[in-house]
């Protein structure tokens, strides 16, 4: 903030990554193949699918009238509740 003068956007990217000491400790192809199947859409997101969320709010052309919004990139239809 001291260097740039203000905070214009904050991205809270909730994620988890496992670290393995040895290559053979990593999950096998079968475990990796099922990654993302619990998402409503049934598969993991691709970078080009989530990238627009990162550039939408700081874009003056697209969101100049929007502030304090949370974009949930959850992979399918969800309901508030």
N, C-alpha and C. Protein backbone atom coordinates (compact mmCIF):
# COMPACT_ATOMS: atom_id res chain seq x y z
N UNK A 1 0.83 -1.18 0.00
CA UNK A 1 0.00 0.00 0.00
C UNK A 1 0.88 1.25 0.00
N UNK A 2 1.97 1.22 0.77
CA UNK A 2 2.85 2.39 0.80
C UNK A 2 3.44 2.66 -0.58
N UNK A 3 3.80 1.60 -1.28
CA UNK A 3 4.43 1.76 -2.58
C UNK A 3 3.43 2.14 -3.67
N UNK A 4 2.22 1.54 -3.65
CA UNK A 4 1.25 1.76 -4.72
C UNK A 4 0.20 2.82 -4.38
N UNK A 5 0.02 3.14 -3.11
CA UNK A 5 -0.89 4.21 -2.74
C UNK A 5 -2.29 3.77 -2.33
N UNK A 6 -2.75 2.62 -2.77
CA UNK A 6 -4.10 2.17 -2.44
C UNK A 6 -4.26 0.70 -2.78
N UNK A 7 -5.25 0.09 -2.17
CA UNK A 7 -5.60 -1.28 -2.48
C UNK A 7 -6.81 -1.24 -3.40
N UNK A 8 -6.66 -1.69 -4.62
CA UNK A 8 -7.74 -1.62 -5.60
C UNK A 8 -8.51 -2.92 -5.75
N UNK A 9 -7.84 -4.03 -5.50
CA UNK A 9 -8.51 -5.33 -5.61
C UNK A 9 -7.82 -6.32 -4.69
N UNK A 10 -8.61 -7.21 -4.10
CA UNK A 10 -8.08 -8.26 -3.25
C UNK A 10 -8.67 -9.57 -3.74
N UNK A 11 -7.82 -10.53 -4.05
CA UNK A 11 -8.27 -11.85 -4.48
C UNK A 11 -7.94 -12.84 -3.39
N UNK A 12 -8.97 -13.49 -2.87
CA UNK A 12 -8.78 -14.56 -1.89
C UNK A 12 -9.03 -15.87 -2.63
N UNK A 13 -7.96 -16.50 -3.01
CA UNK A 13 -8.04 -17.73 -3.78
C UNK A 13 -7.86 -18.90 -2.82
N UNK A 14 -8.96 -19.46 -2.35
CA UNK A 14 -8.90 -20.57 -1.40
C UNK A 14 -8.51 -21.83 -2.16
N UNK A 15 -7.39 -22.38 -1.79
CA UNK A 15 -6.89 -23.57 -2.48
C UNK A 15 -6.04 -24.38 -1.51
N UNK A 16 -5.74 -25.59 -1.90
CA UNK A 16 -4.91 -26.47 -1.09
C UNK A 16 -4.01 -27.25 -2.03
N UNK A 17 -2.76 -27.35 -1.67
CA UNK A 17 -1.82 -28.11 -2.47
C UNK A 17 -1.04 -29.04 -1.56
N UNK A 18 -0.96 -30.30 -1.93
CA UNK A 18 -0.17 -31.27 -1.16
C UNK A 18 1.27 -31.25 -1.65
N UNK A 19 2.17 -31.46 -0.74
CA UNK A 19 3.58 -31.55 -1.09
C UNK A 19 4.06 -32.96 -0.78
N UNK A 20 4.83 -33.51 -1.67
CA UNK A 20 5.30 -34.89 -1.52
C UNK A 20 6.82 -34.88 -1.47
N UNK A 21 7.38 -35.64 -0.52
CA UNK A 21 8.84 -35.74 -0.40
C UNK A 21 9.43 -36.60 -1.52
N UNK A 22 8.67 -37.59 -1.92
CA UNK A 22 9.16 -38.53 -2.93
C UNK A 22 8.14 -38.67 -4.05
N UNK A 23 8.59 -38.79 -5.27
CA UNK A 23 7.72 -38.92 -6.43
C UNK A 23 6.75 -40.10 -6.28
N UNK A 24 7.25 -41.19 -5.72
CA UNK A 24 6.40 -42.38 -5.58
C UNK A 24 5.30 -42.21 -4.52
N UNK A 25 5.36 -41.15 -3.70
CA UNK A 25 4.33 -40.88 -2.71
C UNK A 25 3.11 -40.17 -3.30
N UNK A 26 3.26 -39.64 -4.50
CA UNK A 26 2.15 -38.92 -5.13
C UNK A 26 1.01 -39.88 -5.45
N UNK A 27 -0.24 -39.38 -5.46
CA UNK A 27 -1.38 -40.25 -5.80
C UNK A 27 -1.22 -40.83 -7.20
N UNK A 28 -1.75 -42.02 -7.46
CA UNK A 28 -1.64 -42.65 -8.77
C UNK A 28 -2.62 -42.04 -9.77
N UNK A 29 -2.52 -42.34 -11.03
CA UNK A 29 -3.35 -41.86 -12.14
C UNK A 29 -4.82 -41.89 -11.84
N UNK A 30 -5.35 -43.18 -11.08
CA UNK A 30 -6.76 -43.39 -10.73
C UNK A 30 -7.27 -42.29 -9.80
N UNK A 31 -6.49 -41.90 -8.74
CA UNK A 31 -6.89 -40.84 -7.81
C UNK A 31 -6.92 -39.48 -8.51
N UNK A 32 -5.92 -39.24 -9.34
CA UNK A 32 -5.85 -37.96 -10.06
C UNK A 32 -6.99 -37.86 -11.07
N UNK A 33 -7.37 -38.97 -11.67
CA UNK A 33 -8.44 -38.98 -12.68
C UNK A 33 -9.78 -38.55 -12.10
N UNK A 34 -9.98 -38.75 -10.79
CA UNK A 34 -11.26 -38.38 -10.18
C UNK A 34 -11.24 -36.96 -9.60
N UNK A 35 -10.12 -36.27 -9.72
CA UNK A 35 -10.01 -34.92 -9.17
C UNK A 35 -11.06 -33.99 -9.81
N UNK A 36 -11.77 -33.26 -8.99
CA UNK A 36 -12.75 -32.30 -9.47
C UNK A 36 -14.14 -32.85 -9.68
N UNK A 37 -14.34 -34.14 -9.53
CA UNK A 37 -15.65 -34.73 -9.77
C UNK A 37 -16.69 -34.32 -8.75
N UNK A 38 -16.26 -33.79 -7.60
CA UNK A 38 -17.22 -33.34 -6.58
C UNK A 38 -17.78 -31.96 -6.89
N UNK A 39 -17.19 -31.24 -7.83
CA UNK A 39 -17.73 -29.94 -8.24
C UNK A 39 -19.08 -30.18 -8.92
N UNK A 40 -20.02 -29.24 -8.80
CA UNK A 40 -21.33 -29.43 -9.42
C UNK A 40 -21.27 -29.76 -10.92
N UNK A 41 -20.25 -29.24 -11.60
CA UNK A 41 -20.13 -29.48 -13.03
C UNK A 41 -19.46 -30.83 -13.32
N UNK A 42 -18.87 -31.46 -12.28
CA UNK A 42 -18.32 -32.80 -12.41
C UNK A 42 -16.90 -32.90 -12.90
N UNK A 43 -16.17 -31.79 -12.93
CA UNK A 43 -14.78 -31.81 -13.38
C UNK A 43 -14.05 -30.59 -12.83
N UNK A 44 -12.72 -30.60 -12.83
CA UNK A 44 -11.99 -29.41 -12.37
C UNK A 44 -12.08 -28.29 -13.40
N UNK A 45 -11.89 -27.08 -12.93
CA UNK A 45 -11.92 -25.92 -13.82
C UNK A 45 -10.64 -25.84 -14.65
N UNK A 46 -10.76 -25.23 -15.80
CA UNK A 46 -9.62 -24.94 -16.65
C UNK A 46 -9.23 -23.48 -16.44
N UNK A 47 -7.96 -23.11 -16.60
CA UNK A 47 -7.54 -21.73 -16.36
C UNK A 47 -8.37 -20.69 -17.11
N UNK A 48 -8.72 -20.97 -18.35
CA UNK A 48 -9.48 -19.99 -19.12
C UNK A 48 -10.92 -19.84 -18.62
N UNK A 49 -11.37 -20.77 -17.79
CA UNK A 49 -12.71 -20.68 -17.22
C UNK A 49 -12.76 -19.80 -15.97
N UNK A 50 -11.68 -19.73 -15.23
CA UNK A 50 -11.65 -18.92 -14.01
C UNK A 50 -10.98 -17.57 -14.20
N UNK A 51 -10.17 -17.41 -15.23
CA UNK A 51 -9.45 -16.16 -15.46
C UNK A 51 -10.36 -14.94 -15.57
N UNK A 52 -11.52 -15.02 -16.22
CA UNK A 52 -12.38 -13.83 -16.31
C UNK A 52 -12.79 -13.27 -14.96
N UNK A 53 -12.92 -14.11 -13.94
CA UNK A 53 -13.29 -13.63 -12.62
C UNK A 53 -12.19 -12.73 -12.04
N UNK A 54 -10.95 -13.02 -12.37
CA UNK A 54 -9.82 -12.24 -11.86
C UNK A 54 -9.70 -10.88 -12.53
N UNK A 55 -10.17 -10.76 -13.76
CA UNK A 55 -10.03 -9.48 -14.47
C UNK A 55 -11.32 -8.67 -14.52
N UNK A 56 -12.45 -9.25 -14.15
CA UNK A 56 -13.73 -8.55 -14.22
C UNK A 56 -13.80 -7.34 -13.28
N UNK A 57 -13.57 -7.55 -11.99
CA UNK A 57 -13.74 -6.46 -11.04
C UNK A 57 -12.75 -5.31 -11.22
N UNK A 58 -11.48 -5.54 -11.52
CA UNK A 58 -10.59 -4.39 -11.71
C UNK A 58 -10.77 -3.69 -13.06
N UNK A 59 -11.62 -4.20 -13.92
CA UNK A 59 -11.83 -3.61 -15.24
C UNK A 59 -12.80 -2.44 -15.17
N UNK A 60 -12.33 -1.25 -15.51
CA UNK A 60 -13.20 -0.09 -15.55
C UNK A 60 -14.30 -0.24 -16.60
N UNK A 61 -14.00 -0.91 -17.69
CA UNK A 61 -14.97 -1.06 -18.77
C UNK A 61 -16.11 -2.01 -18.39
N UNK A 62 -15.81 -3.03 -17.59
CA UNK A 62 -16.81 -4.05 -17.29
C UNK A 62 -17.52 -3.87 -15.95
N UNK A 63 -16.85 -3.29 -14.97
CA UNK A 63 -17.44 -3.28 -13.64
C UNK A 63 -17.29 -1.94 -12.91
N UNK A 64 -17.27 -0.86 -13.63
CA UNK A 64 -17.05 0.43 -13.00
C UNK A 64 -18.17 0.82 -12.02
N UNK A 65 -19.33 0.22 -12.14
CA UNK A 65 -20.47 0.55 -11.27
C UNK A 65 -20.63 -0.46 -10.13
N UNK A 66 -19.73 -1.43 -10.05
CA UNK A 66 -19.83 -2.52 -9.08
C UNK A 66 -18.71 -2.38 -8.04
N UNK A 67 -19.05 -2.55 -6.77
CA UNK A 67 -18.03 -2.55 -5.73
C UNK A 67 -18.42 -3.52 -4.63
N UNK A 68 -17.42 -4.04 -3.94
CA UNK A 68 -17.67 -4.92 -2.81
C UNK A 68 -18.36 -6.22 -3.16
N UNK A 69 -18.16 -6.72 -4.33
CA UNK A 69 -18.84 -7.93 -4.80
C UNK A 69 -17.93 -9.14 -4.61
N UNK A 70 -18.54 -10.29 -4.37
CA UNK A 70 -17.83 -11.55 -4.28
C UNK A 70 -18.24 -12.40 -5.47
N UNK A 71 -17.29 -12.86 -6.25
CA UNK A 71 -17.57 -13.75 -7.37
C UNK A 71 -17.22 -15.16 -6.94
N UNK A 72 -18.21 -16.03 -6.89
CA UNK A 72 -17.97 -17.42 -6.52
C UNK A 72 -17.81 -18.25 -7.79
N UNK A 73 -16.63 -18.77 -7.98
CA UNK A 73 -16.34 -19.62 -9.13
C UNK A 73 -16.37 -21.05 -8.62
N UNK A 74 -17.57 -21.65 -8.68
CA UNK A 74 -17.79 -22.93 -8.01
C UNK A 74 -18.04 -24.11 -8.96
N UNK A 75 -18.06 -23.87 -10.24
CA UNK A 75 -18.17 -24.98 -11.16
C UNK A 75 -19.57 -25.53 -11.35
N UNK A 76 -20.56 -24.70 -11.46
CA UNK A 76 -21.90 -25.19 -11.74
C UNK A 76 -22.96 -24.44 -10.97
N UNK A 77 -24.17 -24.88 -11.13
CA UNK A 77 -25.31 -24.23 -10.49
C UNK A 77 -25.27 -24.44 -8.99
N UNK A 78 -25.44 -23.35 -8.28
CA UNK A 78 -25.51 -23.41 -6.82
C UNK A 78 -26.70 -22.59 -6.37
N UNK A 79 -27.13 -22.79 -5.15
CA UNK A 79 -28.23 -22.01 -4.61
C UNK A 79 -27.83 -21.43 -3.28
N UNK A 80 -28.37 -20.26 -2.99
CA UNK A 80 -28.13 -19.65 -1.67
C UNK A 80 -29.01 -20.35 -0.67
N UNK A 81 -28.51 -20.53 0.50
CA UNK A 81 -29.41 -21.17 1.38
C UNK A 81 -28.92 -21.43 2.71
